[in-house]
Amino acid sequence: MSELSNELLALKDNLSNVIRGKEEVINQLLVALLADGHVLIEDVPGTGKTTLAKALAVSLTARFSRIQFTPDLLPTDIIGGMVYSAADGSFTFRPGPVHSNIVLVDEINRASPRTQSALLEAMCERQVTIEGETRLLPRPFWVVATQNPIEHNGTYPLPEAQLDRFSMKIALGYPSHESELMLLNDQERVHPLDSVKAVMDTSQLEDLQAKVKEIEVEASVLDYIVRIVGQTRNNDKLRLGVSPRGALDLRRCSQAAAFLAGHDAVRPSDVQKLAVSVLSHRVIVEVKAKHGGLTGEMVIDEIVKSETVPA
């Protein structure tokens, strides 16, 4: 086991000690991190979305910022802007919180669509444009956002263009009986976050991300990914299918999953396990099918099960 692999295990242990009984969710979060893809965590309030994101940020020696999205938040509160100095009549640039390595966007769907869209350029191109001048963001740059289900009061649905920039959408769900007992014991006197220590710096993270790109993806597996994505564009239950960006994210996340599992190449099972998390938030279900209880997750699951698995 390499030194970096030991640090990756330490990172996983940090998260497991803070969020009990959610090993699969933690694996998905690490997959997105290694794949250099942004993550959207959606669930009801109080399930640990923000705690999980903060535990990851504390575990990395990196510039970290948190943006609490509220209805009155403005785009300049996120990306920054030019500030006037009355002393000499000059303007200087004041960077916003998005100028960090890890940006926690808390309750992203509580801000207006105009403010939400301020993140589009940053998430896709790792840069922001202010007063006609482009400013590069630090590398690595990673956004982990939390949101409450859109049925809750005071929430705005995220636009399709922004959803497409998240590599994965994951949900924590309520803990099991045993996990909740552990949670109560863990926080009897102190919060587990208080004991989390940094186990990896940004250069080590970038080294891991580079190794993920070296994981082989055979032609048959690439064809499998394209067939799955293609079915979403010709499905009578869907009004909007998956974009080419979705196919790219599924490949990269599958490489990261194979890397975490210690494989030299992506297996079809890696694609199958991640397809729902990577693709379901990018599709729009037809209105009639949606009223019938059909969800994007259900449609993607059906498509994956119907496609022929490469040998």
C-alpha atoms as a PDB file:
ATOM      1  CA  MET A   1       0.000   0.000   0.000  1.00  0.00           C
ATOM      2  CA  SER A   2       1.448   3.366  -1.036  1.00  0.00           C
ATOM      3  CA  GLU A   3       1.737   6.357   1.264  1.00  0.00           C
ATOM      4  CA  LEU A   4      -0.970   8.219  -0.603  1.00  0.00           C
ATOM      5  CA  SER A   5      -3.256   5.192  -0.324  1.00  0.00           C
ATOM      6  CA  ASN A   6      -2.738   5.219   3.433  1.00  0.00           C
ATOM      7  CA  GLU A   7      -3.745   8.862   3.491  1.00  0.00           C
ATOM      8  CA  LEU A   8      -6.829   8.065   1.452  1.00  0.00           C
ATOM      9  CA  LEU A   9      -7.766   5.406   4.005  1.00  0.00           C
ATOM     10  CA  ALA A  10      -7.228   7.952   6.782  1.00  0.00           C
ATOM     11  CA  LEU A  11      -9.534  10.357   4.951  1.00  0.00           C
ATOM     12  CA  LYS A  12     -12.191   7.671   4.727  1.00  0.00           C
ATOM     13  CA  ASP A  13     -11.800   6.904   8.437  1.00  0.00           C
ATOM     14  CA  ASN A  14     -12.264  10.584   9.288  1.00  0.00           C
ATOM     15  CA  LEU A  15     -15.569  10.692   7.435  1.00  0.00           C
ATOM     16  CA  SER A  16     -16.741   7.362   8.860  1.00  0.00           C
ATOM     17  CA  ASN A  17     -16.122   8.577  12.410  1.00  0.00           C
ATOM     18  CA  VAL A  18     -18.255  11.663  11.829  1.00  0.00           C
ATOM     19  CA  ILE A  19     -21.090  10.135   9.771  1.00  0.00           C
ATOM     20  CA  ARG A  20     -21.940   6.714  11.164  1.00  0.00           C
ATOM     21  CA  GLY A  21     -23.265   3.832   9.073  1.00  0.00           C
ATOM     22  CA  LYS A  22     -23.026   5.587   5.689  1.00  0.00           C
ATOM     23  CA  GLU A  23     -20.113   3.788   4.047  1.00  0.00           C
ATOM     24  CA  GLU A  24     -21.694   3.798   0.580  1.00  0.00           C
ATOM     25  CA  VAL A  25     -22.379   7.540   0.749  1.00  0.00           C
ATOM     26  CA  ILE A  26     -18.798   8.197   1.879  1.00  0.00           C
ATOM     27  CA  ASN A  27     -17.470   6.089  -1.000  1.00  0.00           C
ATOM     28  CA  GLN A  28     -19.546   8.110  -3.466  1.00  0.00           C
ATOM     29  CA  LEU A  29     -18.243  11.363  -2.021  1.00  0.00           C
ATOM     30  CA  LEU A  30     -14.654  10.143  -2.360  1.00  0.00           C
ATOM     31  CA  VAL A  31     -15.359   8.996  -5.920  1.00  0.00           C
ATOM     32  CA  ALA A  32     -16.477  12.505  -6.852  1.00  0.00           C
ATOM     33  CA  LEU A  33     -13.463  14.054  -5.113  1.00  0.00           C
ATOM     34  CA  LEU A  34     -10.998  11.767  -6.927  1.00  0.00           C
ATOM     35  CA  ALA A  35     -12.821  12.322 -10.215  1.00  0.00           C
ATOM     36  CA  ASP A  36     -12.490  16.110  -9.734  1.00  0.00           C
ATOM     37  CA  GLY A  37     -16.253  16.453  -9.991  1.00  0.00           C
ATOM     38  CA  HIS A  38     -18.625  18.620  -7.969  1.00  0.00           C
ATOM     39  CA  VAL A  39     -21.178  16.995  -5.665  1.00  0.00           C
ATOM     40  CA  LEU A  40     -24.770  17.812  -4.734  1.00  0.00           C
ATOM     41  CA  ILE A  41     -26.024  16.304  -1.462  1.00  0.00           C
ATOM     42  CA  GLU A  42     -29.801  16.330  -1.210  1.00  0.00           C
ATOM     43  CA  ASP A  43     -31.832  15.248   1.799  1.00  0.00           C
ATOM     44  CA  VAL A  44     -34.166  16.487   4.485  1.00  0.00           C
ATOM     45  CA  PRO A  45     -32.779  18.825   7.177  1.00  0.00           C
ATOM     46  CA  GLY A  46     -30.792  17.286  10.013  1.00  0.00           C
ATOM     47  CA  THR A  47     -29.438  14.182   8.282  1.00  0.00           C
ATOM     48  CA  GLY A  48     -25.809  15.355   8.323  1.00  0.00           C
ATOM     49  CA  LYS A  49     -25.315  16.910   4.869  1.00  0.00           C
ATOM     50  CA  THR A  50     -23.350  19.925   6.084  1.00  0.00           C
ATOM     51  CA  THR A  51     -21.471  17.902   8.715  1.00  0.00           C
ATOM     52  CA  LEU A  52     -20.242  15.455   6.079  1.00  0.00           C
ATOM     53  CA  ALA A  53     -19.055  18.272   3.814  1.00  0.00           C
ATOM     54  CA  LYS A  54     -17.294  20.056   6.686  1.00  0.00           C
ATOM     55  CA  ALA A  55     -15.609  16.823   7.806  1.00  0.00           C
ATOM     56  CA  LEU A  56     -14.154  16.419   4.321  1.00  0.00           C
ATOM     57  CA  ALA A  57     -12.969  20.026   4.229  1.00  0.00           C
ATOM     58  CA  VAL A  58     -11.291  19.748   7.647  1.00  0.00           C
ATOM     59  CA  SER A  59      -9.571  16.518   6.541  1.00  0.00           C
ATOM     60  CA  LEU A  60      -7.787  18.340   3.712  1.00  0.00           C
ATOM     61  CA  THR A  61      -5.127  21.008   4.120  1.00  0.00           C
ATOM     62  CA  ALA A  62      -6.743  23.399   1.674  1.00  0.00           C
ATOM     63  CA  ARG A  63      -8.358  26.810   1.443  1.00  0.00           C
ATOM     64  CA  PHE A  64     -11.944  26.291   2.547  1.00  0.00           C
ATOM     65  CA  SER A  65     -14.939  28.595   2.465  1.00  0.00           C
ATOM     66  CA  ARG A  66     -18.608  28.215   3.214  1.00  0.00           C
ATOM     67  CA  ILE A  67     -21.429  30.088   1.521  1.00  0.00           C
ATOM     68  CA  GLN A  68     -24.823  30.049   3.216  1.00  0.00           C
ATOM     69  CA  PHE A  69     -27.344  30.558   0.442  1.00  0.00           C
ATOM     70  CA  THR A  70     -30.267  32.795   1.416  1.00  0.00           C
ATOM     71  CA  PRO A  71     -32.987  34.546  -0.631  1.00  0.00           C
ATOM     72  CA  ASP A  72     -31.207  37.913  -0.372  1.00  0.00           C
ATOM     73  CA  LEU A  73     -27.757  36.634  -1.447  1.00  0.00           C
ATOM     74  CA  LEU A  74     -26.295  38.442  -4.482  1.00  0.00           C
ATOM     75  CA  PRO A  75     -23.912  37.109  -7.182  1.00  0.00           C
ATOM     76  CA  THR A  76     -21.174  39.499  -6.010  1.00  0.00           C
ATOM     77  CA  ASP A  77     -21.429  37.952  -2.541  1.00  0.00           C
ATOM     78  CA  ILE A  78     -20.176  34.730  -4.156  1.00  0.00           C
ATOM     79  CA  ILE A  79     -17.665  35.649  -6.840  1.00  0.00           C
ATOM     80  CA  GLY A  80     -16.507  39.019  -5.473  1.00  0.00           C
ATOM     81  CA  GLY A  81     -16.412  42.425  -7.106  1.00  0.00           C
ATOM     82  CA  MET A  82     -14.701  45.760  -7.503  1.00  0.00           C
ATOM     83  CA  VAL A  83     -14.610  47.949  -4.392  1.00  0.00           C
ATOM     84  CA  TYR A  84     -14.295  51.740  -4.605  1.00  0.00           C
ATOM     85  CA  SER A  85     -11.731  53.498  -2.436  1.00  0.00           C
ATOM     86  CA  ALA A  86     -12.789  57.024  -1.511  1.00  0.00           C
ATOM     87  CA  ALA A  87      -9.230  57.896  -0.483  1.00  0.00           C
ATOM     88  CA  ASP A  88      -7.725  57.805  -3.965  1.00  0.00           C
ATOM     89  CA  GLY A  89     -10.758  57.182  -6.183  1.00  0.00           C
ATOM     90  CA  SER A  90      -9.481  53.780  -7.320  1.00  0.00           C
ATOM     91  CA  PHE A  91     -11.198  50.411  -7.611  1.00  0.00           C
ATOM     92  CA  THR A  92      -9.671  47.237  -6.211  1.00  0.00           C
ATOM     93  CA  PHE A  93     -10.835  43.673  -6.599  1.00  0.00           C
ATOM     94  CA  ARG A  94     -12.196  41.948  -3.513  1.00  0.00           C
ATOM     95  CA  PRO A  95     -12.423  38.172  -4.043  1.00  0.00           C
ATOM     96  CA  GLY A  96     -15.529  36.343  -2.912  1.00  0.00           C
ATOM     97  CA  PRO A  97     -15.651  33.037  -1.032  1.00  0.00           C
ATOM     98  CA  VAL A  98     -15.656  31.064  -4.291  1.00  0.00           C
ATOM     99  CA  HIS A  99     -11.903  31.781  -4.545  1.00  0.00           C
ATOM    100  CA  SER A 100     -11.000  28.701  -2.474  1.00  0.00           C
ATOM    101  CA  ASN A 101     -10.009  25.080  -3.034  1.00  0.00           C
ATOM    102  CA  ILE A 102     -13.108  23.626  -1.381  1.00  0.00           C
ATOM    103  CA  VAL A 103     -16.342  25.580  -1.404  1.00  0.00           C
ATOM    104  CA  LEU A 104     -19.254  24.381   0.712  1.00  0.00           C
ATOM    105  CA  VAL A 105     -22.484  25.815  -0.666  1.00  0.00           C
ATOM    106  CA  ASP A 106     -25.065  25.268   2.042  1.00  0.00           C
ATOM    107  CA  GLU A 107     -28.748  25.031   1.061  1.00  0.00           C
ATOM    108  CA  ILE A 108     -28.029  26.047  -2.513  1.00  0.00           C
ATOM    109  CA  ASN A 109     -31.702  25.986  -3.508  1.00  0.00           C
ATOM    110  CA  ARG A 110     -32.695  28.689  -1.019  1.00  0.00           C
ATOM    111  CA  ALA A 111     -31.198  31.453  -3.186  1.00  0.00           C
ATOM    112  CA  SER A 112     -32.799  32.876  -6.293  1.00  0.00           C
ATOM    113  CA  PRO A 113     -31.971  31.379  -9.717  1.00  0.00           C
ATOM    114  CA  ARG A 114     -30.009  34.542 -10.592  1.00  0.00           C
ATOM    115  CA  THR A 115     -27.693  33.994  -7.645  1.00  0.00           C
ATOM    116  CA  GLN A 116     -27.455  30.252  -8.263  1.00  0.00           C
ATOM    117  CA  SER A 117     -26.255  30.946 -11.798  1.00  0.00           C
ATOM    118  CA  ALA A 118     -23.238  32.845 -10.428  1.00  0.00           C
ATOM    119  CA  LEU A 119     -21.626  29.461  -9.844  1.00  0.00           C
ATOM    120  CA  LEU A 120     -22.009  28.213 -13.428  1.00  0.00           C
ATOM    121  CA  GLU A 121     -18.768  29.563 -14.877  1.00  0.00           C
ATOM    122  CA  ALA A 122     -16.822  28.734 -11.724  1.00  0.00           C
ATOM    123  CA  MET A 123     -17.970  25.105 -11.639  1.00  0.00           C
ATOM    124  CA  CYS A 124     -17.459  24.411 -15.330  1.00  0.00           C
ATOM    125  CA  GLU A 125     -14.384  26.461 -16.257  1.00  0.00           C
ATOM    126  CA  ARG A 126     -12.739  27.026 -12.850  1.00  0.00           C
ATOM    127  CA  GLN A 127     -12.775  30.772 -13.428  1.00  0.00           C
ATOM    128  CA  VAL A 128     -14.973  33.826 -12.906  1.00  0.00           C
ATOM    129  CA  THR A 129     -15.471  36.900 -15.076  1.00  0.00           C
ATOM    130  CA  ILE A 130     -15.841  40.234 -13.270  1.00  0.00           C
ATOM    131  CA  GLU A 131     -16.094  43.564 -15.060  1.00  0.00           C
ATOM    132  CA  GLY A 132     -14.964  41.874 -18.275  1.00  0.00           C
ATOM    133  CA  GLU A 133     -11.810  40.435 -16.680  1.00  0.00           C
ATOM    134  CA  THR A 134     -11.346  36.689 -16.261  1.00  0.00           C
ATOM    135  CA  ARG A 135      -9.831  35.504 -13.003  1.00  0.00           C
ATOM    136  CA  LEU A 136      -8.691  31.914 -12.551  1.00  0.00           C
ATOM    137  CA  LEU A 137      -9.724  30.020  -9.434  1.00  0.00           C
ATOM    138  CA  PRO A 138      -7.174  28.077  -7.346  1.00  0.00           C
ATOM    139  CA  ARG A 139      -6.555  24.414  -8.144  1.00  0.00           C
ATOM    140  CA  PRO A 140      -7.865  22.045  -7.107  1.00  0.00           C
ATOM    141  CA  PHE A 141     -11.313  23.626  -7.064  1.00  0.00           C
ATOM    142  CA  TRP A 142     -14.201  21.575  -5.736  1.00  0.00           C
ATOM    143  CA  VAL A 143     -17.794  22.497  -4.918  1.00  0.00           C
ATOM    144  CA  VAL A 144     -19.893  20.406  -2.559  1.00  0.00           C
ATOM    145  CA  ALA A 145     -23.422  21.748  -2.252  1.00  0.00           C
ATOM    146  CA  THR A 146     -26.293  20.742  -0.014  1.00  0.00           C
ATOM    147  CA  GLN A 147     -29.965  21.225  -0.671  1.00  0.00           C
ATOM    148  CA  ASN A 148     -33.304  20.336   0.843  1.00  0.00           C
ATOM    149  CA  PRO A 149     -35.917  18.562  -1.317  1.00  0.00           C
ATOM    150  CA  ILE A 150     -37.648  21.086  -3.577  1.00  0.00           C
ATOM    151  CA  GLU A 151     -41.004  20.320  -1.980  1.00  0.00           C
ATOM    152  CA  HIS A 152     -39.871  22.120   1.192  1.00  0.00           C
ATOM    153  CA  ASN A 153     -40.874  25.728   1.859  1.00  0.00           C
ATOM    154  CA  GLY A 154     -38.544  28.486   0.681  1.00  0.00           C
ATOM    155  CA  THR A 155     -36.695  26.465  -1.952  1.00  0.00           C
ATOM    156  CA  TYR A 156     -36.133  27.134  -5.650  1.00  0.00           C
ATOM    157  CA  PRO A 157     -35.497  24.307  -8.120  1.00  0.00           C
ATOM    158  CA  LEU A 158     -31.985  24.363  -9.561  1.00  0.00           C
ATOM    159  CA  PRO A 159     -31.849  25.149 -13.292  1.00  0.00           C
ATOM    160  CA  GLU A 160     -30.956  22.252 -15.595  1.00  0.00           C
ATOM    161  CA  ALA A 161     -27.694  23.935 -16.638  1.00  0.00           C
ATOM    162  CA  GLN A 162     -26.521  24.039 -13.028  1.00  0.00           C
ATOM    163  CA  LEU A 163     -27.605  20.491 -12.201  1.00  0.00           C
ATOM    164  CA  ASP A 164     -25.583  19.293 -15.182  1.00  0.00           C
ATOM    165  CA  ARG A 165     -22.414  20.725 -13.642  1.00  0.00           C
ATOM    166  CA  PHE A 166     -22.663  18.435 -10.634  1.00  0.00           C
ATOM    167  CA  SER A 167     -20.914  15.150 -11.350  1.00  0.00           C
ATOM    168  CA  MET A 168     -22.963  13.311  -8.741  1.00  0.00           C
ATOM    169  CA  LYS A 169     -26.057  13.768  -6.609  1.00  0.00           C
ATOM    170  CA  ILE A 170     -26.159  11.709  -3.438  1.00  0.00           C
ATOM    171  CA  ALA A 171     -28.539  11.357  -0.500  1.00  0.00           C
ATOM    172  CA  LEU A 172     -27.697  10.374   3.066  1.00  0.00           C
ATOM    173  CA  GLY A 173     -31.066   9.133   4.278  1.00  0.00           C
ATOM    174  CA  TYR A 174     -31.956   8.522   7.897  1.00  0.00           C
ATOM    175  CA  PRO A 175     -29.498   6.452   9.971  1.00  0.00           C
ATOM    176  CA  SER A 176     -30.245   2.911  11.063  1.00  0.00           C
ATOM    177  CA  HIS A 177     -31.176   2.181  14.682  1.00  0.00           C
ATOM    178  CA  GLU A 178     -27.626   1.091  15.533  1.00  0.00           C
ATOM    179  CA  SER A 179     -26.036   4.053  13.732  1.00  0.00           C
ATOM    180  CA  GLU A 180     -28.271   6.543  15.503  1.00  0.00           C
ATOM    181  CA  LEU A 181     -27.353   5.033  18.889  1.00  0.00           C
ATOM    182  CA  MET A 182     -23.684   5.501  18.001  1.00  0.00           C
ATOM    183  CA  LEU A 183     -24.449   9.056  16.938  1.00  0.00           C
ATOM    184  CA  LEU A 184     -26.018   9.855  20.297  1.00  0.00           C
ATOM    185  CA  ASN A 185     -23.066   8.369  22.169  1.00  0.00           C
ATOM    186  CA  ASP A 186     -20.506  10.135  19.950  1.00  0.00           C
ATOM    187  CA  GLN A 187     -21.992  13.553  20.680  1.00  0.00           C
ATOM    188  CA  GLU A 188     -22.661  13.084  24.386  1.00  0.00           C
ATOM    189  CA  ARG A 189     -19.962  15.620  25.344  1.00  0.00           C
ATOM    190  CA  VAL A 190     -18.174  16.787  22.178  1.00  0.00           C
ATOM    191  CA  HIS A 191     -18.828  16.818  18.454  1.00  0.00           C
ATOM    192  CA  PRO A 192     -16.777  14.321  16.381  1.00  0.00           C
ATOM    193  CA  LEU A 193     -15.772  17.173  14.057  1.00  0.00           C
ATOM    194  CA  ASP A 194     -13.687  18.646  16.878  1.00  0.00           C
ATOM    195  CA  SER A 195     -11.292  15.686  16.725  1.00  0.00           C
ATOM    196  CA  VAL A 196     -10.913  15.533  12.916  1.00  0.00           C
ATOM    197  CA  LYS A 197      -7.360  16.239  11.755  1.00  0.00           C
ATOM    198  CA  ALA A 198      -6.061  17.043   8.278  1.00  0.00           C
ATOM    199  CA  VAL A 199      -4.638  13.956   6.580  1.00  0.00           C
ATOM    200  CA  MET A 200      -3.975  15.162   3.028  1.00  0.00           C
ATOM    201  CA  ASP A 201      -2.882  18.347   1.276  1.00  0.00           C
ATOM    202  CA  THR A 202      -3.854  19.683  -2.141  1.00  0.00           C
ATOM    203  CA  SER A 203      -0.752  18.427  -3.957  1.00  0.00           C
ATOM    204  CA  GLN A 204      -1.389  14.886  -2.724  1.00  0.00           C
ATOM    205  CA  LEU A 205      -5.021  15.162  -3.799  1.00  0.00           C
ATOM    206  CA  GLU A 206      -3.957  16.270  -7.275  1.00  0.00           C
ATOM    207  CA  ASP A 207      -1.562  13.306  -7.466  1.00  0.00           C
ATOM    208  CA  LEU A 208      -4.453  10.949  -6.702  1.00  0.00           C
ATOM    209  CA  GLN A 209      -6.661  12.638  -9.287  1.00  0.00           C
ATOM    210  CA  ALA A 210      -3.889  12.186 -11.868  1.00  0.00           C
ATOM    211  CA  LYS A 211      -3.668   8.473 -11.044  1.00  0.00           C
ATOM    212  CA  VAL A 212      -7.427   8.114 -11.525  1.00  0.00           C
ATOM    213  CA  LYS A 213      -7.070   9.368 -15.102  1.00  0.00           C
ATOM    214  CA  GLU A 214      -4.611   6.540 -15.773  1.00  0.00           C
ATOM    215  CA  ILE A 215      -7.186   3.831 -14.975  1.00  0.00           C
ATOM    216  CA  GLU A 216      -7.926   2.000 -18.222  1.00  0.00           C
ATOM    217  CA  VAL A 217     -11.398   2.065 -19.761  1.00  0.00           C
ATOM    218  CA  GLU A 218     -11.788  -0.591 -22.449  1.00  0.00           C
ATOM    219  CA  ALA A 219     -13.675   0.139 -25.654  1.00  0.00           C
ATOM    220  CA  SER A 220     -16.510  -2.196 -24.676  1.00  0.00           C
ATOM    221  CA  VAL A 221     -17.042  -0.332 -21.391  1.00  0.00           C
ATOM    222  CA  LEU A 222     -16.988   3.035 -23.178  1.00  0.00           C
ATOM    223  CA  ASP A 223     -19.605   1.675 -25.572  1.00  0.00           C
ATOM    224  CA  TYR A 224     -21.643   0.525 -22.566  1.00  0.00           C
ATOM    225  CA  ILE A 225     -21.586   4.063 -21.118  1.00  0.00           C
ATOM    226  CA  VAL A 226     -22.607   5.601 -24.449  1.00  0.00           C
ATOM    227  CA  ARG A 227     -25.469   3.107 -24.860  1.00  0.00           C
ATOM    228  CA  ILE A 228     -26.824   3.917 -21.397  1.00  0.00           C
ATOM    229  CA  VAL A 229     -26.633   7.659 -22.029  1.00  0.00           C
ATOM    230  CA  GLY A 230     -28.143   7.247 -25.508  1.00  0.00           C
ATOM    231  CA  GLN A 231     -31.194   5.500 -24.100  1.00  0.00           C
ATOM    232  CA  THR A 232     -32.024   8.547 -21.986  1.00  0.00           C
ATOM    233  CA  ARG A 233     -32.309  10.641 -25.161  1.00  0.00           C
ATOM    234  CA  ASN A 234     -34.771   8.273 -26.805  1.00  0.00           C
ATOM    235  CA  ASN A 235     -36.983   7.412 -23.850  1.00  0.00           C
ATOM    236  CA  ASP A 236     -40.671   8.307 -23.976  1.00  0.00           C
ATOM    237  CA  LYS A 237     -40.678   8.733 -20.184  1.00  0.00           C
ATOM    238  CA  LEU A 238     -38.093  11.502 -20.323  1.00  0.00           C
ATOM    239  CA  ARG A 239     -38.437  15.046 -21.632  1.00  0.00           C
ATOM    240  CA  LEU A 240     -34.697  15.723 -21.356  1.00  0.00           C
ATOM    241  CA  GLY A 241     -31.907  13.179 -21.662  1.00  0.00           C
ATOM    242  CA  VAL A 242     -28.317  13.156 -20.421  1.00  0.00           C
ATOM    243  CA  SER A 243     -25.806  15.544 -21.982  1.00  0.00           C
ATOM    244  CA  PRO A 244     -22.337  14.572 -23.270  1.00  0.00           C
ATOM    245  CA  ARG A 245     -20.988  16.075 -20.038  1.00  0.00           C
ATOM    246  CA  GLY A 246     -22.933  13.395 -18.195  1.00  0.00           C
ATOM    247  CA  ALA A 247     -21.229  10.658 -20.218  1.00  0.00           C
ATOM    248  CA  LEU A 248     -17.816  12.171 -19.464  1.00  0.00           C
ATOM    249  CA  ASP A 249     -18.630  12.340 -15.757  1.00  0.00           C
ATOM    250  CA  LEU A 250     -19.821   8.724 -15.725  1.00  0.00           C
ATOM    251  CA  ARG A 251     -16.545   7.592 -17.284  1.00  0.00           C
ATOM    252  CA  ARG A 252     -14.381   9.624 -14.889  1.00  0.00           C
ATOM    253  CA  CYS A 253     -16.377   8.618 -11.811  1.00  0.00           C
ATOM    254  CA  SER A 254     -16.176   4.963 -12.893  1.00  0.00           C
ATOM    255  CA  GLN A 255     -12.397   5.344 -13.127  1.00  0.00           C
ATOM    256  CA  ALA A 256     -12.359   6.771  -9.598  1.00  0.00           C
ATOM    257  CA  ALA A 257     -14.502   3.890  -8.308  1.00  0.00           C
ATOM    258  CA  ALA A 258     -12.143   1.378  -9.901  1.00  0.00           C
ATOM    259  CA  PHE A 259      -9.167   3.194  -8.351  1.00  0.00           C
ATOM    260  CA  LEU A 260     -10.770   3.054  -4.886  1.00  0.00           C
ATOM    261  CA  ALA A 261     -11.417  -0.661  -5.356  1.00  0.00           C
ATOM    262  CA  GLY A 262      -7.798  -1.281  -6.356  1.00  0.00           C
ATOM    263  CA  HIS A 263      -8.594  -2.243  -9.970  1.00  0.00           C
ATOM    264  CA  ASP A 264      -6.390  -1.438 -12.968  1.00  0.00           C
ATOM    265  CA  ALA A 265      -9.349  -1.000 -15.301  1.00  0.00           C
ATOM    266  CA  VAL A 266     -12.994   0.015 -15.102  1.00  0.00           C
ATOM    267  CA  ARG A 267     -15.445  -2.861 -14.829  1.00  0.00           C
ATOM    268  CA  PRO A 268     -19.087  -2.769 -15.969  1.00  0.00           C
ATOM    269  CA  SER A 269     -20.086  -3.112 -12.322  1.00  0.00           C
ATOM    270  CA  ASP A 270     -18.398   0.236 -11.582  1.00  0.00           C
ATOM    271  CA  VAL A 271     -20.599   1.881 -14.209  1.00  0.00           C
ATOM    272  CA  GLN A 272     -23.729   0.159 -12.913  1.00  0.00           C
ATOM    273  CA  LYS A 273     -23.159   1.248  -9.311  1.00  0.00           C
ATOM    274  CA  LEU A 274     -22.692   4.907 -10.239  1.00  0.00           C
ATOM    275  CA  ALA A 275     -25.135   5.390 -13.110  1.00  0.00           C
ATOM    276  CA  VAL A 276     -28.065   6.541 -10.954  1.00  0.00           C
ATOM    277  CA  SER A 277     -25.969   8.974  -8.878  1.00  0.00           C
ATOM    278  CA  VAL A 278     -24.230  10.444 -11.923  1.00  0.00           C
ATOM    279  CA  LEU A 279     -27.122  10.596 -14.398  1.00  0.00           C
ATOM    280  CA  SER A 280     -30.495  10.808 -12.638  1.00  0.00           C
ATOM    281  CA  HIS A 281     -30.316  14.508 -11.689  1.00  0.00           C
ATOM    282  CA  ARG A 282     -29.621  15.446 -15.322  1.00  0.00           C
ATOM    283  CA  VAL A 283     -32.846  14.051 -16.776  1.00  0.00           C
ATOM    284  CA  ILE A 284     -36.350  15.540 -16.716  1.00  0.00           C
ATOM    285  CA  VAL A 285     -39.241  13.106 -16.390  1.00  0.00           C
ATOM    286  CA  GLU A 286     -42.318  13.689 -18.533  1.00  0.00           C
ATOM    287  CA  VAL A 287     -45.112  15.408 -16.603  1.00  0.00           C
ATOM    288  CA  LYS A 288     -47.575  12.540 -16.933  1.00  0.00           C
ATOM    289  CA  ALA A 289     -45.013   9.958 -15.838  1.00  0.00           C
ATOM    290  CA  LYS A 290     -43.915  12.197 -12.958  1.00  0.00           C
ATOM    291  CA  HIS A 291     -47.465  12.500 -11.686  1.00  0.00           C
ATOM    292  CA  GLY A 292     -47.619   8.726 -11.824  1.00  0.00           C
ATOM    293  CA  GLY A 293     -44.771   8.550  -9.300  1.00  0.00           C
ATOM    294  CA  LEU A 294     -41.893   7.939 -11.712  1.00  0.00           C
ATOM    295  CA  THR A 295     -38.547   9.517 -10.809  1.00  0.00           C
ATOM    296  CA  GLY A 296     -35.311  10.070 -12.693  1.00  0.00           C
ATOM    297  CA  GLU A 297     -33.614   7.506 -10.458  1.00  0.00           C
ATOM    298  CA  MET A 298     -36.187   4.877 -11.407  1.00  0.00           C
ATOM    299  CA  VAL A 299     -35.811   5.549 -15.133  1.00  0.00           C
ATOM    300  CA  ILE A 300     -31.996   5.374 -15.043  1.00  0.00           C
ATOM    301  CA  ASP A 301     -32.184   2.161 -13.033  1.00  0.00           C
ATOM    302  CA  GLU A 302     -34.511   0.641 -15.649  1.00  0.00           C
ATOM    303  CA  ILE A 303     -32.187   1.669 -18.465  1.00  0.00           C
ATOM    304  CA  VAL A 304     -29.113   0.182 -16.782  1.00  0.00           C
ATOM    305  CA  LYS A 305     -30.923  -3.109 -16.176  1.00  0.00           C
ATOM    306  CA  SER A 306     -32.130  -3.271 -19.798  1.00  0.00           C
ATOM    307  CA  GLU A 307     -28.713  -2.697 -21.424  1.00  0.00           C
ATOM    308  CA  THR A 308     -26.539  -5.630 -22.384  1.00  0.00           C
ATOM    309  CA  VAL A 309     -23.527  -5.814 -20.077  1.00  0.00           C
ATOM    310  CA  PRO A 310     -20.171  -6.203 -21.890  1.00  0.00           C
ATOM    311  CA  ALA A 311     -18.285  -9.398 -21.120  1.00  0.00           C
END
